[in-house]
Amino acid sequence: FLNAIDKKPLIIFTTAYSDYAVEGFNLGAVD
């Protein structure tokens, strides 16, 4: 989804899995 949208609002990822933390921050997530 993040790669598909034109506008880039601030993002806070919410997930049950901690495996994506590094990728999330690499995508510019706030938290």
All heavy atoms as atom14 arrays in JSON, in Angstrom:
{
  "sequence": "FLNAIDKKPLIIFTTAYSDYAVEGFNLGAVD",
  "atom14_mask": [
    [1, 1, 1, 1, 1, 1, 1, 1, 1, 1, 1, 0, 0, 0],
    [1, 1, 1, 1, 1, 1, 1, 1, 0, 0, 0, 0, 0, 0],
    [1, 1, 1, 1, 1, 1, 1, 1, 0, 0, 0, 0, 0, 0],
    [1, 1, 1, 1, 1, 0, 0, 0, 0, 0, 0, 0, 0, 0],
    [1, 1, 1, 1, 1, 1, 1, 1, 0, 0, 0, 0, 0, 0],
    [1, 1, 1, 1, 1, 1, 1, 1, 0, 0, 0, 0, 0, 0],
    [1, 1, 1, 1, 1, 1, 1, 1, 1, 0, 0, 0, 0, 0],
    [1, 1, 1, 1, 1, 1, 1, 1, 1, 0, 0, 0, 0, 0],
    [1, 1, 1, 1, 1, 1, 1, 0, 0, 0, 0, 0, 0, 0],
    [1, 1, 1, 1, 1, 1, 1, 1, 0, 0, 0, 0, 0, 0],
    [1, 1, 1, 1, 1, 1, 1, 1, 0, 0, 0, 0, 0, 0],
    [1, 1, 1, 1, 1, 1, 1, 1, 0, 0, 0, 0, 0, 0],
    [1, 1, 1, 1, 1, 1, 1, 1, 1, 1, 1, 0, 0, 0],
    [1, 1, 1, 1, 1, 1, 1, 0, 0, 0, 0, 0, 0, 0],
    [1, 1, 1, 1, 1, 1, 1, 0, 0, 0, 0, 0, 0, 0],
    [1, 1, 1, 1, 1, 0, 0, 0, 0, 0, 0, 0, 0, 0],
    [1, 1, 1, 1, 1, 1, 1, 1, 1, 1, 1, 1, 0, 0],
    [1, 1, 1, 1, 1, 1, 0, 0, 0, 0, 0, 0, 0, 0],
    [1, 1, 1, 1, 1, 1, 1, 1, 0, 0, 0, 0, 0, 0],
    [1, 1, 1, 1, 1, 1, 1, 1, 1, 1, 1, 1, 0, 0],
    [1, 1, 1, 1, 1, 0, 0, 0, 0, 0, 0, 0, 0, 0],
    [1, 1, 1, 1, 1, 1, 1, 0, 0, 0, 0, 0, 0, 0],
    [1, 1, 1, 1, 1, 1, 1, 1, 1, 0, 0, 0, 0, 0],
    [1, 1, 1, 1, 0, 0, 0, 0, 0, 0, 0, 0, 0, 0],
    [1, 1, 1, 1, 1, 1, 1, 1, 1, 1, 1, 0, 0, 0],
    [1, 1, 1, 1, 1, 1, 1, 1, 0, 0, 0, 0, 0, 0],
    [1, 1, 1, 1, 1, 1, 1, 1, 0, 0, 0, 0, 0, 0],
    [1, 1, 1, 1, 0, 0, 0, 0, 0, 0, 0, 0, 0, 0],
    [1, 1, 1, 1, 1, 0, 0, 0, 0, 0, 0, 0, 0, 0],
    [1, 1, 1, 1, 1, 1, 1, 0, 0, 0, 0, 0, 0, 0],
    [1, 1, 1, 1, 1, 1, 1, 1, 0, 0, 0, 0, 0, 0]
  ],
  "atom14_positions": [
    [[0.83, -1.21, 0.0], [0.0, 0.0, 0.0], [0.86, 1.25, 0.0], [0.62, 2.2, -0.77], [-0.92, -0.01, 1.23], [-1.55, 1.31, 1.54], [-2.7, 1.72, 0.89], [-0.99, 2.16, 2.48], [-3.29, 2.94, 1.18], [-1.55, 3.37, 2.78], [-2.7, 3.77, 2.14], [0.0, 0.0, 0.0], [0.0, 0.0, 0.0], [0.0, 0.0, 0.0]],
    [[1.86, 1.26, 0.86], [2.72, 2.44, 0.98], [3.43, 2.73, -0.34], [3.62, 3.89, -0.72], [3.74, 2.22, 2.1], [4.51, 3.44, 2.58], [3.57, 4.55, 3.01], [5.44, 3.06, 3.72], [0.0, 0.0, 0.0], [0.0, 0.0, 0.0], [0.0, 0.0, 0.0], [0.0, 0.0, 0.0], [0.0, 0.0, 0.0], [0.0, 0.0, 0.0]],
    [[3.8, 1.69, -1.04], [4.47, 1.86, -2.34], [3.5, 2.28, -3.45], [3.92, 2.76, -4.5], [5.18, 0.57, -2.74], [6.39, 0.28, -1.86], [7.08, 1.19, -1.42], [6.66, -0.99, -1.62], [0.0, 0.0, 0.0], [0.0, 0.0, 0.0], [0.0, 0.0, 0.0], [0.0, 0.0, 0.0], [0.0, 0.0, 0.0], [0.0, 0.0, 0.0]],
    [[2.18, 2.08, -3.21], [1.19, 2.34, -4.26], [0.59, 3.73, -4.19], [0.04, 4.2, -5.19], [0.07, 1.3, -4.18], [0.0, 0.0, 0.0], [0.0, 0.0, 0.0], [0.0, 0.0, 0.0], [0.0, 0.0, 0.0], [0.0, 0.0, 0.0], [0.0, 0.0, 0.0], [0.0, 0.0, 0.0], [0.0, 0.0, 0.0], [0.0, 0.0, 0.0]],
    [[0.65, 4.39, -3.05], [-0.03, 5.68, -2.93], [0.86, 6.82, -3.44], [2.09, 6.75, -3.37], [-0.45, 5.96, -1.46], [0.75, 5.92, -0.51], [-1.53, 5.0, -1.04], [0.4, 6.27, 0.92], [0.0, 0.0, 0.0], [0.0, 0.0, 0.0], [0.0, 0.0, 0.0], [0.0, 0.0, 0.0], [0.0, 0.0, 0.0], [0.0, 0.0, 0.0]],
    [[0.21, 7.86, -3.95], [0.93, 9.02, -4.47], [1.35, 9.95, -3.34], [2.48, 10.4, -3.27], [0.05, 9.79, -5.46], [-0.32, 8.92, -6.67], [0.55, 8.13, -7.11], [-1.46, 9.05, -7.16], [0.0, 0.0, 0.0], [0.0, 0.0, 0.0], [0.0, 0.0, 0.0], [0.0, 0.0, 0.0], [0.0, 0.0, 0.0], [0.0, 0.0, 0.0]],
    [[0.42, 10.24, -2.44], [0.73, 11.08, -1.29], [1.34, 10.22, -0.2], [0.99, 9.06, -0.04], [-0.54, 11.76, -0.77], [-1.18, 12.72, -1.76], [-2.41, 13.38, -1.15], [-3.06, 14.36, -2.11], [-4.26, 15.0, -1.53], [0.0, 0.0, 0.0], [0.0, 0.0, 0.0], [0.0, 0.0, 0.0], [0.0, 0.0, 0.0], [0.0, 0.0, 0.0]],
    [[2.25, 10.79, 0.55], [2.92, 10.05, 1.6], [2.68, 10.73, 2.96], [3.47, 11.55, 3.4], [4.43, 9.96, 1.33], [4.81, 9.33, 0.0], [4.46, 7.86, -0.06], [4.92, 7.24, -1.39], [4.51, 5.84, -1.53], [0.0, 0.0, 0.0], [0.0, 0.0, 0.0], [0.0, 0.0, 0.0], [0.0, 0.0, 0.0], [0.0, 0.0, 0.0]],
    [[1.57, 10.38, 3.61], [1.36, 10.92, 4.96], [2.36, 10.3, 5.93], [3.14, 9.41, 5.58], [-0.07, 10.45, 5.3], [-0.65, 9.98, 4.01], [0.5, 9.51, 3.18], [0.0, 0.0, 0.0], [0.0, 0.0, 0.0], [0.0, 0.0, 0.0], [0.0, 0.0, 0.0], [0.0, 0.0, 0.0], [0.0, 0.0, 0.0], [0.0, 0.0, 0.0]],
    [[2.33, 10.75, 7.15], [3.12, 10.12, 8.2], [2.54, 8.73, 8.47], [1.32, 8.54, 8.45], [3.09, 10.96, 9.47], [3.69, 12.37, 9.36], [3.43, 13.16, 10.64], [5.19, 12.3, 9.06], [0.0, 0.0, 0.0], [0.0, 0.0, 0.0], [0.0, 0.0, 0.0], [0.0, 0.0, 0.0], [0.0, 0.0, 0.0], [0.0, 0.0, 0.0]],
    [[3.42, 7.77, 8.7], [2.99, 6.38, 8.88], [3.44, 5.86, 10.23], [4.62, 5.99, 10.61], [3.57, 5.47, 7.78], [3.11, 5.93, 6.38], [3.17, 4.01, 8.03], [1.64, 5.76, 6.12], [0.0, 0.0, 0.0], [0.0, 0.0, 0.0], [0.0, 0.0, 0.0], [0.0, 0.0, 0.0], [0.0, 0.0, 0.0], [0.0, 0.0, 0.0]],
    [[2.52, 5.25, 10.97], [2.86, 4.46, 12.14], [2.41, 3.03, 11.86], [1.21, 2.76, 11.7], [2.16, 4.99, 13.41], [2.69, 6.39, 13.75], [2.41, 4.04, 14.59], [2.0, 7.03, 14.95], [0.0, 0.0, 0.0], [0.0, 0.0, 0.0], [0.0, 0.0, 0.0], [0.0, 0.0, 0.0], [0.0, 0.0, 0.0], [0.0, 0.0, 0.0]],
    [[3.38, 2.14, 11.72], [3.05, 0.74, 11.46], [2.53, 0.07, 12.72], [3.04, 0.29, 13.82], [4.27, -0.02, 10.95], [4.58, 0.18, 9.5], [5.81, 0.68, 9.09], [3.64, -0.14, 8.52], [6.09, 0.86, 7.75], [3.91, 0.05, 7.17], [5.14, 0.55, 6.79], [0.0, 0.0, 0.0], [0.0, 0.0, 0.0], [0.0, 0.0, 0.0]],
    [[1.5, -0.77, 12.56], [0.96, -1.57, 13.66], [0.92, -3.03, 13.2], [0.33, -3.33, 12.17], [-0.45, -1.11, 14.04], [-1.33, -1.26, 12.92], [-0.44, 0.35, 14.48], [0.0, 0.0, 0.0], [0.0, 0.0, 0.0], [0.0, 0.0, 0.0], [0.0, 0.0, 0.0], [0.0, 0.0, 0.0], [0.0, 0.0, 0.0], [0.0, 0.0, 0.0]],
    [[1.53, -3.9, 13.95], [1.61, -5.29, 13.52], [1.85, -6.22, 14.69], [2.34, -5.78, 15.75], [2.74, -5.48, 12.48], [2.81, -6.85, 12.09], [4.07, -5.05, 13.06], [0.0, 0.0, 0.0], [0.0, 0.0, 0.0], [0.0, 0.0, 0.0], [0.0, 0.0, 0.0], [0.0, 0.0, 0.0], [0.0, 0.0, 0.0], [0.0, 0.0, 0.0]],
    [[1.49, -7.47, 14.53], [1.74, -8.47, 15.56], [3.13, -9.08, 15.44], [3.54, -9.87, 16.27], [0.69, -9.58, 15.48], [0.0, 0.0, 0.0], [0.0, 0.0, 0.0], [0.0, 0.0, 0.0], [0.0, 0.0, 0.0], [0.0, 0.0, 0.0], [0.0, 0.0, 0.0], [0.0, 0.0, 0.0], [0.0, 0.0, 0.0], [0.0, 0.0, 0.0]],
    [[3.86, -8.67, 14.41], [5.17, -9.28, 14.15], [6.27, -8.23, 14.22], [6.16, -7.15, 13.65], [5.18, -9.93, 12.76], [4.07, -10.93, 12.57], [2.87, -10.54, 11.97], [4.19, -12.24, 13.01], [1.83, -11.44, 11.81], [3.16, -13.15, 12.85], [1.99, -12.74, 12.25], [0.96, -13.64, 12.09], [0.0, 0.0, 0.0], [0.0, 0.0, 0.0]],
    [[7.34, -8.57, 14.92], [8.46, -7.63, 15.05], [9.47, -7.76, 13.92], [10.39, -6.96, 13.81], [9.17, -7.87, 16.39], [9.66, -9.2, 16.47], [0.0, 0.0, 0.0], [0.0, 0.0, 0.0], [0.0, 0.0, 0.0], [0.0, 0.0, 0.0], [0.0, 0.0, 0.0], [0.0, 0.0, 0.0], [0.0, 0.0, 0.0], [0.0, 0.0, 0.0]],
    [[9.26, -8.73, 13.02], [10.25, -9.0, 11.97], [10.38, -7.86, 10.96], [11.39, -7.75, 10.28], [9.86, -10.28, 11.2], [9.81, -11.5, 12.11], [10.31, -11.41, 13.24], [9.26, -12.52, 11.68], [0.0, 0.0, 0.0], [0.0, 0.0, 0.0], [0.0, 0.0, 0.0], [0.0, 0.0, 0.0], [0.0, 0.0, 0.0], [0.0, 0.0, 0.0]],
    [[9.34, -7.02, 10.84], [9.35, -5.98, 9.82], [9.88, -4.64, 10.32], [9.82, -3.64, 9.61], [7.92, -5.75, 9.3], [7.33, -6.93, 8.58], [6.45, -7.78, 9.23], [7.64, -7.18, 7.25], [5.89, -8.86, 8.58], [7.08, -8.26, 6.57], [6.21, -9.09, 7.25], [5.65, -10.15, 6.59], [0.0, 0.0, 0.0], [0.0, 0.0, 0.0]],
    [[10.37, -4.61, 11.55], [10.75, -3.33, 12.14], [11.78, -2.58, 11.3], [11.62, -1.39, 11.01], [11.29, -3.55, 13.55], [0.0, 0.0, 0.0], [0.0, 0.0, 0.0], [0.0, 0.0, 0.0], [0.0, 0.0, 0.0], [0.0, 0.0, 0.0], [0.0, 0.0, 0.0], [0.0, 0.0, 0.0], [0.0, 0.0, 0.0], [0.0, 0.0, 0.0]],
    [[12.84, -3.26, 10.9], [13.89, -2.6, 10.14], [13.36, -2.09, 8.81], [13.6, -0.94, 8.42], [15.08, -3.55, 9.91], [16.1, -2.91, 8.97], [15.74, -3.9, 11.23], [0.0, 0.0, 0.0], [0.0, 0.0, 0.0], [0.0, 0.0, 0.0], [0.0, 0.0, 0.0], [0.0, 0.0, 0.0], [0.0, 0.0, 0.0], [0.0, 0.0, 0.0]],
    [[12.58, -2.93, 8.11], [12.02, -2.53, 6.82], [11.07, -1.34, 7.01], [11.05, -0.41, 6.2], [11.27, -3.69, 6.18], [10.75, -3.38, 4.79], [10.17, -4.6, 4.1], [10.09, -5.66, 4.73], [9.8, -4.48, 2.93], [0.0, 0.0, 0.0], [0.0, 0.0, 0.0], [0.0, 0.0, 0.0], [0.0, 0.0, 0.0], [0.0, 0.0, 0.0]],
    [[10.3, -1.36, 8.11], [9.38, -0.26, 8.38], [10.1, 1.06, 8.54], [9.71, 2.07, 7.96], [0.0, 0.0, 0.0], [0.0, 0.0, 0.0], [0.0, 0.0, 0.0], [0.0, 0.0, 0.0], [0.0, 0.0, 0.0], [0.0, 0.0, 0.0], [0.0, 0.0, 0.0], [0.0, 0.0, 0.0], [0.0, 0.0, 0.0], [0.0, 0.0, 0.0]],
    [[11.18, 1.07, 9.28], [11.92, 2.31, 9.47], [12.65, 2.72, 8.2], [12.81, 3.91, 7.93], [12.9, 2.16, 10.64], [12.24, 2.22, 11.98], [12.26, 1.14, 12.83], [11.56, 3.37, 12.38], [11.63, 1.19, 14.07], [10.94, 3.44, 13.62], [10.97, 2.34, 14.46], [0.0, 0.0, 0.0], [0.0, 0.0, 0.0], [0.0, 0.0, 0.0]],
    [[13.08, 1.74, 7.41], [13.71, 2.07, 6.12], [12.73, 2.75, 5.17], [13.13, 3.5, 4.28], [14.28, 0.8, 5.47], [15.54, 0.31, 6.15], [16.2, 1.06, 6.86], [15.88, -0.96, 5.96], [0.0, 0.0, 0.0], [0.0, 0.0, 0.0], [0.0, 0.0, 0.0], [0.0, 0.0, 0.0], [0.0, 0.0, 0.0], [0.0, 0.0, 0.0]],
    [[11.45, 2.47, 5.34], [10.42, 3.1, 4.51], [10.0, 4.47, 5.06], [9.09, 5.1, 4.54], [9.2, 2.19, 4.42], [9.38, 0.92, 3.57], [8.22, -0.03, 3.76], [9.54, 1.28, 2.1], [0.0, 0.0, 0.0], [0.0, 0.0, 0.0], [0.0, 0.0, 0.0], [0.0, 0.0, 0.0], [0.0, 0.0, 0.0], [0.0, 0.0, 0.0]],
    [[10.67, 4.91, 6.1], [10.41, 6.24, 6.63], [9.27, 6.32, 7.61], [8.71, 7.4, 7.82], [0.0, 0.0, 0.0], [0.0, 0.0, 0.0], [0.0, 0.0, 0.0], [0.0, 0.0, 0.0], [0.0, 0.0, 0.0], [0.0, 0.0, 0.0], [0.0, 0.0, 0.0], [0.0, 0.0, 0.0], [0.0, 0.0, 0.0], [0.0, 0.0, 0.0]],
    [[8.9, 5.2, 8.21], [7.82, 5.21, 9.18], [8.19, 6.03, 10.41], [9.35, 6.06, 10.82], [7.46, 3.78, 9.6], [0.0, 0.0, 0.0], [0.0, 0.0, 0.0], [0.0, 0.0, 0.0], [0.0, 0.0, 0.0], [0.0, 0.0, 0.0], [0.0, 0.0, 0.0], [0.0, 0.0, 0.0], [0.0, 0.0, 0.0], [0.0, 0.0, 0.0]],
    [[7.2, 6.69, 10.98], [7.41, 7.44, 12.21], [7.76, 6.49, 13.35], [8.65, 6.75, 14.15], [6.15, 8.24, 12.58], [6.29, 8.89, 13.96], [5.85, 9.28, 11.52], [0.0, 0.0, 0.0], [0.0, 0.0, 0.0], [0.0, 0.0, 0.0], [0.0, 0.0, 0.0], [0.0, 0.0, 0.0], [0.0, 0.0, 0.0], [0.0, 0.0, 0.0]],
    [[7.04, 5.38, 13.41], [7.26, 4.42, 14.48], [6.7, 3.07, 14.07], [6.03, 2.93, 13.04], [6.58, 4.9, 15.77], [7.28, 4.37, 17.01], [8.1, 3.45, 16.9], [6.99, 4.89, 18.11], [0.0, 0.0, 0.0], [0.0, 0.0, 0.0], [0.0, 0.0, 0.0], [0.0, 0.0, 0.0], [0.0, 0.0, 0.0], [0.0, 0.0, 0.0]]
  ]
}
